[in-house]
Structures are given as C-alpha cells and as structure tokens.
C-alpha cells in the first residue's frame, strides 16, 4: 500500500482510492492511473474479505474469552470439591424389586448387563456380541425398565450386587 507521505521533491500526499493504482515514475515521482475494472473488483473483494476476517477474529476472541471464564469457573468448582473432602456416596440400588426382576432376565440381557457393569459403551458391547448398537440400546432400555434403574451406573451396581459382574 502506498505511503501517505510524499516523496522528496513532491508535495502531494498519496491516497489509495478503490479504482486508482499508484505508478512510480523513473524520476522518483508517482502518478495515479486508473485501475483496470478487474483490478478494481479484486480490490473490492479483498476489502470485503478483510472485513470478514476482522469479524471472524473478533468472534473467535469473544469465544476464547467465554471459554476461559467457563474454565475458571470449573477450576473453582473443582477446588471447592477437593477442599470439601466429600466422601463418595454409593448409588442407591432398588434392591427389593431388582432381585425379583434379575431372576427373569434373558441370557442375552445378562450378558449385556455384565458388559455394562464393566463400563463398556454400546458400540463396544455391540462389537463383542456381534449385534448392532441399536440392539444393544434396546437391551439396555429393557434392563433399565425391568430392574427399575435410572442409569447405567445403577445397572452396574445391581450387577455387582448380585455377583453378575
């Protein structure tokens, strides 16, 4: 981009309008000459791209600032938990109904329950049992319903409690 200062011996200040290009003369002076139309369009596109990049950079900076504040809040919460020395509590097991229902599980449901208790994902269970992940999801939904559990953690606790793990 041309300087806004005039070269030695020339008193005029250079500007850069969208459709004008500076041309340096052999004597050290500068002449403004019109740009060809395709150059003017390229300059306009470049200006638009610069504006878009500035907007994207600003949005990225805002997102980074928000992420830093969330990270700071998480650090504070973790520090508070570490300072509290809270002993982990056991997940309540619906023992009364689970015992009766655990006896009525199919062989495949028992297999799925054992694998859930081992902490495996639906995809991993599907690969082990040679079934689709949707089939595993159906078995887990059935287990949650039959054993009156609210989560996979409770299913794992029930499996451990009854020695299925």
N, C-alpha and C. Protein backbone atom coordinates (compact mmCIF):
# COMPACT_ATOMS: atom_id res chain seq x y z
N UNK A 1 0.86 -1.16 0.00
CA UNK A 1 0.00 0.00 0.00
C UNK A 1 0.90 1.23 0.00
N UNK A 2 0.60 2.26 -0.79
CA UNK A 2 1.46 3.43 -0.86
C UNK A 2 1.47 4.17 0.46
N UNK A 3 2.57 4.85 0.68
CA UNK A 3 2.72 5.64 1.89
C UNK A 3 1.88 6.90 1.77
N UNK A 4 1.49 7.44 2.93
CA UNK A 4 0.74 8.70 2.91
C UNK A 4 1.69 9.89 2.92
N UNK A 5 2.99 9.64 2.96
CA UNK A 5 3.96 10.72 2.91
C UNK A 5 4.43 10.92 1.48
N UNK A 6 4.67 12.17 1.12
CA UNK A 6 5.09 12.47 -0.25
C UNK A 6 6.57 12.20 -0.40
N UNK A 7 7.01 11.70 -1.57
CA UNK A 7 8.43 11.51 -1.79
C UNK A 7 9.15 12.86 -1.86
N UNK A 8 10.47 12.82 -1.71
CA UNK A 8 11.26 14.06 -1.72
C UNK A 8 11.03 14.80 -3.02
N UNK A 9 10.81 16.10 -2.95
CA UNK A 9 10.62 16.92 -4.14
C UNK A 9 9.20 16.93 -4.63
N UNK A 10 8.31 16.21 -4.01
CA UNK A 10 6.91 16.17 -4.44
C UNK A 10 6.07 16.52 -3.23
N UNK A 11 5.19 17.48 -3.35
CA UNK A 11 4.46 17.96 -2.19
C UNK A 11 3.09 17.32 -2.05
N UNK A 12 2.70 16.45 -2.95
CA UNK A 12 1.35 15.92 -2.80
C UNK A 12 1.34 14.63 -1.98
N UNK A 13 0.21 14.38 -1.31
CA UNK A 13 0.03 13.20 -0.47
C UNK A 13 -0.70 12.15 -1.29
N UNK A 14 -0.17 10.92 -1.24
CA UNK A 14 -0.78 9.84 -2.00
C UNK A 14 -1.98 9.27 -1.24
N UNK A 15 -2.99 8.93 -1.97
CA UNK A 15 -4.15 8.23 -1.40
C UNK A 15 -4.38 6.99 -2.24
N UNK A 16 -5.22 6.11 -1.77
CA UNK A 16 -5.48 4.86 -2.49
C UNK A 16 -6.97 4.69 -2.67
N UNK A 17 -7.57 5.37 -3.62
CA UNK A 17 -8.98 5.11 -3.88
C UNK A 17 -9.15 3.72 -4.47
N UNK A 18 -10.34 3.19 -4.40
CA UNK A 18 -10.58 1.82 -4.82
C UNK A 18 -10.22 1.57 -6.28
N UNK A 19 -10.41 2.54 -7.15
CA UNK A 19 -10.19 2.29 -8.57
C UNK A 19 -8.94 2.99 -9.11
N UNK A 20 -7.98 3.34 -8.25
CA UNK A 20 -6.77 4.02 -8.70
C UNK A 20 -5.55 3.29 -8.18
N UNK A 21 -4.53 3.15 -9.01
CA UNK A 21 -3.29 2.48 -8.63
C UNK A 21 -2.15 3.48 -8.80
N UNK A 22 -1.21 3.46 -7.85
CA UNK A 22 -0.06 4.35 -7.94
C UNK A 22 0.97 3.73 -8.87
N UNK A 23 1.55 4.56 -9.72
CA UNK A 23 2.60 4.10 -10.62
C UNK A 23 3.84 4.93 -10.38
N UNK A 24 4.96 4.31 -10.12
CA UNK A 24 6.21 5.01 -9.85
C UNK A 24 6.89 5.37 -11.17
N UNK A 25 7.28 6.63 -11.28
CA UNK A 25 7.98 7.10 -12.48
C UNK A 25 9.48 6.96 -12.29
N UNK A 26 10.23 6.90 -13.38
CA UNK A 26 11.69 6.80 -13.27
C UNK A 26 12.33 7.98 -12.55
N UNK A 27 11.69 9.16 -12.58
CA UNK A 27 12.28 10.32 -11.91
C UNK A 27 11.98 10.36 -10.42
N UNK A 28 11.33 9.31 -9.87
CA UNK A 28 11.04 9.24 -8.45
C UNK A 28 9.65 9.74 -8.09
N UNK A 29 8.94 10.34 -9.03
CA UNK A 29 7.58 10.81 -8.76
C UNK A 29 6.59 9.67 -8.85
N UNK A 30 5.36 9.97 -8.54
CA UNK A 30 4.31 8.97 -8.56
C UNK A 30 3.14 9.52 -9.35
N UNK A 31 2.60 8.68 -10.20
CA UNK A 31 1.44 9.07 -10.98
C UNK A 31 0.29 8.12 -10.63
N UNK A 32 -0.87 8.71 -10.40
CA UNK A 32 -2.06 7.87 -10.18
C UNK A 32 -2.67 7.56 -11.53
N UNK A 33 -2.93 6.28 -11.76
CA UNK A 33 -3.59 5.92 -13.01
C UNK A 33 -4.77 5.01 -12.68
N UNK A 34 -5.81 5.08 -13.46
CA UNK A 34 -6.98 4.23 -13.18
C UNK A 34 -6.61 2.76 -13.30
N UNK A 35 -7.19 1.96 -12.41
CA UNK A 35 -7.00 0.51 -12.46
C UNK A 35 -7.94 -0.06 -13.51
N UNK A 36 -7.54 -1.14 -14.13
CA UNK A 36 -8.49 -1.83 -15.00
C UNK A 36 -9.67 -2.33 -14.16
N UNK A 37 -10.85 -2.50 -14.75
CA UNK A 37 -12.04 -2.90 -13.98
C UNK A 37 -11.83 -4.18 -13.18
N UNK A 38 -11.11 -5.16 -13.73
CA UNK A 38 -10.92 -6.40 -12.97
C UNK A 38 -10.08 -6.16 -11.73
N UNK A 39 -9.13 -5.23 -11.76
CA UNK A 39 -8.34 -4.90 -10.58
C UNK A 39 -9.19 -4.22 -9.52
N UNK A 40 -10.08 -3.34 -9.95
CA UNK A 40 -10.96 -2.65 -9.00
C UNK A 40 -11.86 -3.67 -8.30
N UNK A 41 -12.36 -4.65 -9.04
CA UNK A 41 -13.21 -5.69 -8.45
C UNK A 41 -12.40 -6.54 -7.47
N UNK A 42 -11.15 -6.83 -7.82
CA UNK A 42 -10.29 -7.62 -6.93
C UNK A 42 -10.00 -6.85 -5.66
N UNK A 43 -9.78 -5.56 -5.78
CA UNK A 43 -9.53 -4.72 -4.60
C UNK A 43 -10.77 -4.70 -3.71
N UNK A 44 -11.94 -4.58 -4.31
CA UNK A 44 -13.19 -4.58 -3.54
C UNK A 44 -13.39 -5.92 -2.84
N UNK A 45 -13.09 -7.05 -3.54
CA UNK A 45 -13.22 -8.36 -2.92
C UNK A 45 -12.24 -8.52 -1.76
N UNK A 46 -11.03 -8.03 -1.96
CA UNK A 46 -10.03 -8.11 -0.89
C UNK A 46 -10.47 -7.31 0.32
N UNK A 47 -11.06 -6.14 0.09
CA UNK A 47 -11.55 -5.33 1.21
C UNK A 47 -12.68 -6.05 1.94
N UNK A 48 -13.57 -6.69 1.18
CA UNK A 48 -14.66 -7.45 1.80
C UNK A 48 -14.11 -8.62 2.61
N UNK A 49 -13.12 -9.31 2.06
CA UNK A 49 -12.52 -10.44 2.78
C UNK A 49 -11.83 -9.98 4.06
N UNK A 50 -11.14 -8.81 3.98
CA UNK A 50 -10.51 -8.28 5.19
C UNK A 50 -11.54 -7.99 6.27
N UNK A 51 -12.67 -7.42 5.87
CA UNK A 51 -13.73 -7.12 6.83
C UNK A 51 -14.28 -8.41 7.45
N UNK A 52 -14.48 -9.44 6.62
CA UNK A 52 -14.97 -10.72 7.13
C UNK A 52 -13.96 -11.35 8.09
N UNK A 53 -12.68 -11.26 7.75
CA UNK A 53 -11.65 -11.81 8.62
C UNK A 53 -11.61 -11.08 9.96
N UNK A 54 -11.78 -9.75 9.92
CA UNK A 54 -11.81 -8.99 11.17
C UNK A 54 -12.98 -9.44 12.04
N UNK A 55 -14.15 -9.64 11.41
CA UNK A 55 -15.33 -10.10 12.16
C UNK A 55 -15.09 -11.50 12.74
N UNK A 56 -14.51 -12.39 11.95
CA UNK A 56 -14.24 -13.76 12.42
C UNK A 56 -13.23 -13.74 13.57
N UNK A 57 -12.21 -12.91 13.46
CA UNK A 57 -11.21 -12.81 14.53
C UNK A 57 -11.85 -12.28 15.80
N UNK A 58 -12.74 -11.31 15.66
CA UNK A 58 -13.43 -10.76 16.83
C UNK A 58 -14.32 -11.82 17.49
N UNK A 59 -15.04 -12.59 16.66
CA UNK A 59 -15.90 -13.65 17.20
C UNK A 59 -15.06 -14.72 17.88
N UNK A 60 -13.92 -15.06 17.31
CA UNK A 60 -13.03 -16.06 17.92
C UNK A 60 -12.49 -15.56 19.25
N UNK A 61 -12.15 -14.28 19.31
CA UNK A 61 -11.65 -13.71 20.57
C UNK A 61 -12.74 -13.74 21.64
N UNK A 62 -13.97 -13.43 21.25
CA UNK A 62 -15.09 -13.48 22.20
C UNK A 62 -15.31 -14.90 22.71
N UNK A 63 -15.27 -15.88 21.79
CA UNK A 63 -15.45 -17.28 22.18
C UNK A 63 -14.33 -17.74 23.11
N UNK A 64 -13.12 -17.32 22.83
CA UNK A 64 -12.00 -17.69 23.69
C UNK A 64 -12.16 -17.09 25.08
N UNK A 65 -12.63 -15.86 25.15
CA UNK A 65 -12.84 -15.23 26.45
C UNK A 65 -13.92 -15.97 27.24
N UNK A 66 -15.00 -16.37 26.56
CA UNK A 66 -16.05 -17.14 27.24
C UNK A 66 -15.53 -18.48 27.71
N UNK A 67 -14.73 -19.15 26.87
CA UNK A 67 -14.16 -20.44 27.25
C UNK A 67 -13.25 -20.30 28.46
N UNK A 68 -12.46 -19.22 28.49
CA UNK A 68 -11.59 -19.00 29.65
C UNK A 68 -12.41 -18.80 30.92
N UNK A 69 -13.53 -18.07 30.81
CA UNK A 69 -14.33 -17.84 32.01
C UNK A 69 -14.99 -19.14 32.48
N UNK A 70 -15.43 -19.99 31.54
CA UNK A 70 -16.01 -21.28 31.92
C UNK A 70 -14.93 -22.15 32.57
N UNK A 71 -13.73 -22.15 31.99
CA UNK A 71 -12.63 -22.94 32.56
C UNK A 71 -12.30 -22.46 33.96
N UNK A 72 -12.32 -21.15 34.17
CA UNK A 72 -12.06 -20.61 35.51
C UNK A 72 -13.13 -21.05 36.50
N UNK A 73 -14.40 -21.03 36.07
CA UNK A 73 -15.49 -21.47 36.95
C UNK A 73 -15.35 -22.96 37.28
N UNK A 74 -14.98 -23.76 36.29
CA UNK A 74 -14.79 -25.19 36.54
C UNK A 74 -13.62 -25.44 37.49
N UNK A 75 -12.55 -24.66 37.33
CA UNK A 75 -11.41 -24.79 38.25
C UNK A 75 -11.82 -24.46 39.68
N UNK A 76 -12.63 -23.40 39.83
CA UNK A 76 -13.11 -23.02 41.17
C UNK A 76 -13.98 -24.11 41.77
N UNK A 77 -14.87 -24.68 40.96
CA UNK A 77 -15.76 -25.74 41.45
C UNK A 77 -14.96 -26.98 41.85
N UNK A 78 -13.97 -27.33 41.04
CA UNK A 78 -13.13 -28.47 41.36
C UNK A 78 -12.34 -28.24 42.64
N UNK A 79 -11.81 -27.03 42.79
CA UNK A 79 -11.07 -26.71 44.01
C UNK A 79 -11.99 -26.78 45.22
N UNK A 80 -13.23 -26.30 45.08
CA UNK A 80 -14.18 -26.37 46.20
C UNK A 80 -14.49 -27.81 46.55
N UNK A 81 -14.64 -28.67 45.54
CA UNK A 81 -14.92 -30.09 45.82
C UNK A 81 -13.73 -30.76 46.50
N UNK A 82 -12.53 -30.43 46.04
CA UNK A 82 -11.33 -31.01 46.65
C UNK A 82 -11.16 -30.54 48.09
N UNK A 83 -11.51 -29.28 48.35
CA UNK A 83 -11.39 -28.74 49.70
C UNK A 83 -12.45 -29.31 50.64
N UNK A 84 -13.59 -29.70 50.10
CA UNK A 84 -14.70 -30.16 50.93
C UNK A 84 -14.46 -31.57 51.48
N UNK A 85 -13.59 -32.34 50.86
CA UNK A 85 -13.33 -33.72 51.29
C UNK A 85 -14.62 -34.51 51.45
N UNK A 86 -15.44 -34.46 50.43
CA UNK A 86 -16.71 -35.19 50.46
C UNK A 86 -16.42 -36.64 50.08
N UNK A 87 -16.86 -37.54 50.91
CA UNK A 87 -16.69 -38.96 50.62
C UNK A 87 -17.69 -39.37 49.55
N UNK A 88 -17.28 -40.16 48.58
CA UNK A 88 -18.23 -40.58 47.55
C UNK A 88 -19.33 -41.43 48.17
N UNK A 89 -20.53 -41.18 47.74
CA UNK A 89 -21.66 -41.95 48.27
C UNK A 89 -22.03 -43.03 47.27
N UNK A 90 -22.59 -44.08 47.76
CA UNK A 90 -23.00 -45.18 46.90
C UNK A 90 -24.29 -44.82 46.19
N UNK A 91 -24.44 -45.37 45.01
CA UNK A 91 -25.66 -45.16 44.25
C UNK A 91 -26.74 -46.05 44.84
N UNK A 92 -27.89 -45.49 45.14
CA UNK A 92 -28.94 -46.33 45.72
C UNK A 92 -29.38 -47.41 44.74
N UNK A 93 -29.50 -48.61 45.24
CA UNK A 93 -29.89 -49.74 44.41
C UNK A 93 -31.31 -50.14 44.79
N UNK A 94 -32.18 -50.22 43.81
CA UNK A 94 -33.55 -50.66 44.10
C UNK A 94 -33.56 -52.17 44.35
N UNK A 95 -33.02 -52.58 45.50
CA UNK A 95 -32.77 -54.00 45.78
C UNK A 95 -34.06 -54.83 45.84
N UNK A 96 -35.07 -54.32 46.46
CA UNK A 96 -36.27 -55.13 46.66
C UNK A 96 -36.87 -55.61 45.34
N UNK A 97 -36.99 -54.72 44.38
CA UNK A 97 -37.59 -55.11 43.12
C UNK A 97 -36.56 -55.70 42.16
N UNK A 98 -35.33 -55.28 42.28
CA UNK A 98 -34.31 -55.73 41.34
C UNK A 98 -34.03 -57.22 41.48
N UNK A 99 -34.06 -57.74 42.70
CA UNK A 99 -33.77 -59.16 42.92
C UNK A 99 -34.77 -60.04 42.18
N UNK A 100 -36.02 -59.69 42.31
CA UNK A 100 -37.07 -60.47 41.68
C UNK A 100 -36.94 -60.38 40.15
N UNK A 101 -36.71 -59.19 39.64
CA UNK A 101 -36.62 -58.99 38.20
C UNK A 101 -35.32 -59.55 37.62
N UNK A 102 -34.23 -59.52 38.40
CA UNK A 102 -32.95 -60.03 37.90
C UNK A 102 -33.04 -61.52 37.57
N UNK A 103 -33.91 -62.21 38.28
CA UNK A 103 -34.09 -63.64 38.01
C UNK A 103 -34.81 -63.88 36.68
N UNK A 104 -35.54 -62.86 36.18
CA UNK A 104 -36.31 -63.03 34.95
C UNK A 104 -35.59 -62.48 33.71
N UNK A 105 -34.32 -62.15 33.83
CA UNK A 105 -33.58 -61.63 32.68
C UNK A 105 -33.24 -62.77 31.73
N UNK A 106 -33.26 -62.45 30.43
CA UNK A 106 -32.85 -63.45 29.44
C UNK A 106 -31.32 -63.59 29.49
N UNK A 107 -30.81 -64.63 28.87
CA UNK A 107 -29.37 -64.85 28.85
C UNK A 107 -28.66 -63.67 28.17
N UNK A 108 -29.24 -63.14 27.09
CA UNK A 108 -28.62 -62.02 26.38
C UNK A 108 -28.65 -60.76 27.25
N UNK A 109 -29.74 -60.54 27.99
CA UNK A 109 -29.81 -59.37 28.87
C UNK A 109 -28.76 -59.47 29.97
N UNK A 110 -28.54 -60.68 30.47
CA UNK A 110 -27.49 -60.86 31.49
C UNK A 110 -26.12 -60.54 30.90
N UNK A 111 -25.87 -60.99 29.66
CA UNK A 111 -24.60 -60.67 29.01
C UNK A 111 -24.41 -59.16 28.88
N UNK A 112 -25.46 -58.49 28.43
CA UNK A 112 -25.39 -57.04 28.26
C UNK A 112 -25.18 -56.37 29.61
N UNK A 113 -25.87 -56.85 30.64
CA UNK A 113 -25.74 -56.27 31.98
C UNK A 113 -24.31 -56.41 32.49
N UNK A 114 -23.69 -57.55 32.28
CA UNK A 114 -22.30 -57.75 32.71
C UNK A 114 -21.38 -56.78 31.97
N UNK A 115 -21.59 -56.62 30.68
CA UNK A 115 -20.74 -55.72 29.90
C UNK A 115 -20.95 -54.25 30.28
N UNK A 116 -22.19 -53.90 30.62
CA UNK A 116 -22.46 -52.54 31.12
C UNK A 116 -21.74 -52.34 32.44
N UNK A 117 -21.77 -53.36 33.30
CA UNK A 117 -21.10 -53.28 34.60
C UNK A 117 -19.60 -53.13 34.44
N UNK A 118 -19.04 -53.64 33.34
CA UNK A 118 -17.61 -53.48 33.07
C UNK A 118 -17.29 -52.09 32.53
N UNK A 119 -18.32 -51.28 32.29
CA UNK A 119 -18.11 -49.92 31.83
C UNK A 119 -17.98 -49.78 30.32
N UNK A 120 -18.43 -50.76 29.58
CA UNK A 120 -18.29 -50.72 28.12
C UNK A 120 -19.37 -49.86 27.49
N UNK A 121 -19.04 -49.27 26.35
CA UNK A 121 -20.00 -48.44 25.61
C UNK A 121 -20.93 -49.34 24.80
N UNK A 122 -22.00 -48.75 24.30
CA UNK A 122 -22.93 -49.51 23.46
C UNK A 122 -22.21 -50.07 22.23
N UNK A 123 -21.34 -49.26 21.64
CA UNK A 123 -20.61 -49.70 20.45
C UNK A 123 -19.71 -50.90 20.78
N UNK A 124 -19.01 -50.83 21.91
CA UNK A 124 -18.12 -51.93 22.31
C UNK A 124 -18.93 -53.19 22.60
N UNK A 125 -20.06 -53.04 23.28
CA UNK A 125 -20.91 -54.19 23.57
C UNK A 125 -21.41 -54.81 22.27
N UNK A 126 -21.81 -53.96 21.32
CA UNK A 126 -22.30 -54.45 20.03
C UNK A 126 -21.22 -55.25 19.31
N UNK A 127 -19.98 -54.79 19.37
CA UNK A 127 -18.89 -55.50 18.70
C UNK A 127 -18.62 -56.85 19.37
N UNK A 128 -18.69 -56.88 20.69
CA UNK A 128 -18.43 -58.12 21.42
C UNK A 128 -19.53 -59.15 21.14
N UNK A 129 -20.77 -58.70 21.11
CA UNK A 129 -21.90 -59.62 20.95
C UNK A 129 -22.32 -59.81 19.49
N UNK A 130 -21.64 -59.15 18.55
CA UNK A 130 -21.96 -59.24 17.13
C UNK A 130 -23.41 -58.85 16.83
N UNK A 131 -23.82 -57.72 17.40
CA UNK A 131 -25.14 -57.17 17.13
C UNK A 131 -24.96 -55.69 16.82
N UNK A 132 -26.04 -55.04 16.42
CA UNK A 132 -25.95 -53.61 16.12
C UNK A 132 -26.03 -52.79 17.42
N UNK A 133 -25.48 -51.58 17.41
CA UNK A 133 -25.58 -50.71 18.59
C UNK A 133 -27.04 -50.42 18.96
N UNK A 134 -27.93 -50.40 17.96
CA UNK A 134 -29.36 -50.18 18.27
C UNK A 134 -29.94 -51.35 19.05
N UNK A 135 -29.49 -52.55 18.75
CA UNK A 135 -29.95 -53.72 19.51
C UNK A 135 -29.47 -53.62 20.95
N UNK A 136 -28.23 -53.20 21.14
CA UNK A 136 -27.71 -53.02 22.50
C UNK A 136 -28.51 -51.95 23.23
N UNK A 137 -28.82 -50.88 22.54
CA UNK A 137 -29.62 -49.81 23.15
C UNK A 137 -30.98 -50.35 23.60
N UNK A 138 -31.58 -51.20 22.79
CA UNK A 138 -32.87 -51.80 23.14
C UNK A 138 -32.73 -52.68 24.38
N UNK A 139 -31.66 -53.49 24.44
CA UNK A 139 -31.44 -54.34 25.61
C UNK A 139 -31.24 -53.49 26.87
N UNK A 140 -30.49 -52.41 26.75
CA UNK A 140 -30.24 -51.56 27.93
C UNK A 140 -31.52 -50.88 28.38
N UNK A 141 -32.33 -50.44 27.43
CA UNK A 141 -33.62 -49.85 27.79
C UNK A 141 -34.49 -50.87 28.52
N UNK A 142 -34.48 -52.09 28.03
CA UNK A 142 -35.24 -53.16 28.68
C UNK A 142 -34.71 -53.42 30.09
N UNK A 143 -33.38 -53.46 30.23
CA UNK A 143 -32.77 -53.67 31.56
C UNK A 143 -33.15 -52.55 32.52
N UNK A 144 -33.07 -51.32 32.05
CA UNK A 144 -33.43 -50.18 32.90
C UNK A 144 -34.87 -50.31 33.39
N UNK A 145 -35.74 -50.71 32.48
CA UNK A 145 -37.15 -50.85 32.83
C UNK A 145 -37.38 -52.03 33.78
N UNK A 146 -36.83 -53.20 33.43
CA UNK A 146 -37.05 -54.40 34.25
C UNK A 146 -36.46 -54.27 35.65
N UNK A 147 -35.29 -53.66 35.75
CA UNK A 147 -34.62 -53.55 37.05
C UNK A 147 -34.96 -52.24 37.77
N UNK A 148 -35.83 -51.46 37.15
CA UNK A 148 -36.27 -50.18 37.72
C UNK A 148 -35.08 -49.30 38.10
N UNK A 149 -34.14 -49.23 37.17
CA UNK A 149 -32.94 -48.41 37.38
C UNK A 149 -33.08 -47.13 36.55
N UNK A 150 -32.36 -46.11 36.98
CA UNK A 150 -32.42 -44.82 36.28
C UNK A 150 -31.22 -44.58 35.39
N UNK A 151 -30.16 -45.35 35.56
CA UNK A 151 -28.94 -45.08 34.80
C UNK A 151 -28.11 -46.35 34.64
N UNK A 152 -27.10 -46.25 33.78
CA UNK A 152 -26.17 -47.36 33.59
C UNK A 152 -25.38 -47.63 34.87
N UNK A 153 -25.13 -46.57 35.64
CA UNK A 153 -24.41 -46.73 36.89
C UNK A 153 -25.20 -47.62 37.84
N UNK A 154 -26.50 -47.40 37.91
CA UNK A 154 -27.33 -48.25 38.76
C UNK A 154 -27.38 -49.68 38.24
N UNK A 155 -27.40 -49.84 36.91
CA UNK A 155 -27.35 -51.19 36.35
C UNK A 155 -26.06 -51.88 36.77
N UNK A 156 -24.95 -51.17 36.71
CA UNK A 156 -23.66 -51.74 37.11
C UNK A 156 -23.67 -52.12 38.59
N UNK A 157 -24.27 -51.26 39.41
CA UNK A 157 -24.33 -51.55 40.86
C UNK A 157 -25.18 -52.78 41.11
N UNK A 158 -26.29 -52.91 40.40
CA UNK A 158 -27.15 -54.09 40.57
C UNK A 158 -26.40 -55.34 40.14
N UNK A 159 -25.71 -55.28 39.01
CA UNK A 159 -24.95 -56.44 38.54
C UNK A 159 -23.89 -56.84 39.56
N UNK A 160 -23.21 -55.88 40.12
CA UNK A 160 -22.17 -56.17 41.12
C UNK A 160 -22.80 -56.74 42.37
N UNK A 161 -23.92 -56.17 42.79
CA UNK A 161 -24.60 -56.63 43.99
C UNK A 161 -25.01 -58.09 43.89
N UNK A 162 -25.45 -58.52 42.70
CA UNK A 162 -25.90 -59.89 42.52
C UNK A 162 -24.81 -60.79 41.96
N UNK A 163 -23.58 -60.32 41.94
CA UNK A 163 -22.46 -61.16 41.51
C UNK A 163 -22.43 -61.46 40.03
N UNK A 164 -23.10 -60.65 39.24
CA UNK A 164 -23.09 -60.86 37.79
C UNK A 164 -21.86 -60.24 37.16
N UNK A 165 -21.18 -59.43 37.88
CA UNK A 165 -20.00 -58.72 37.34
C UNK A 165 -18.78 -59.60 37.44
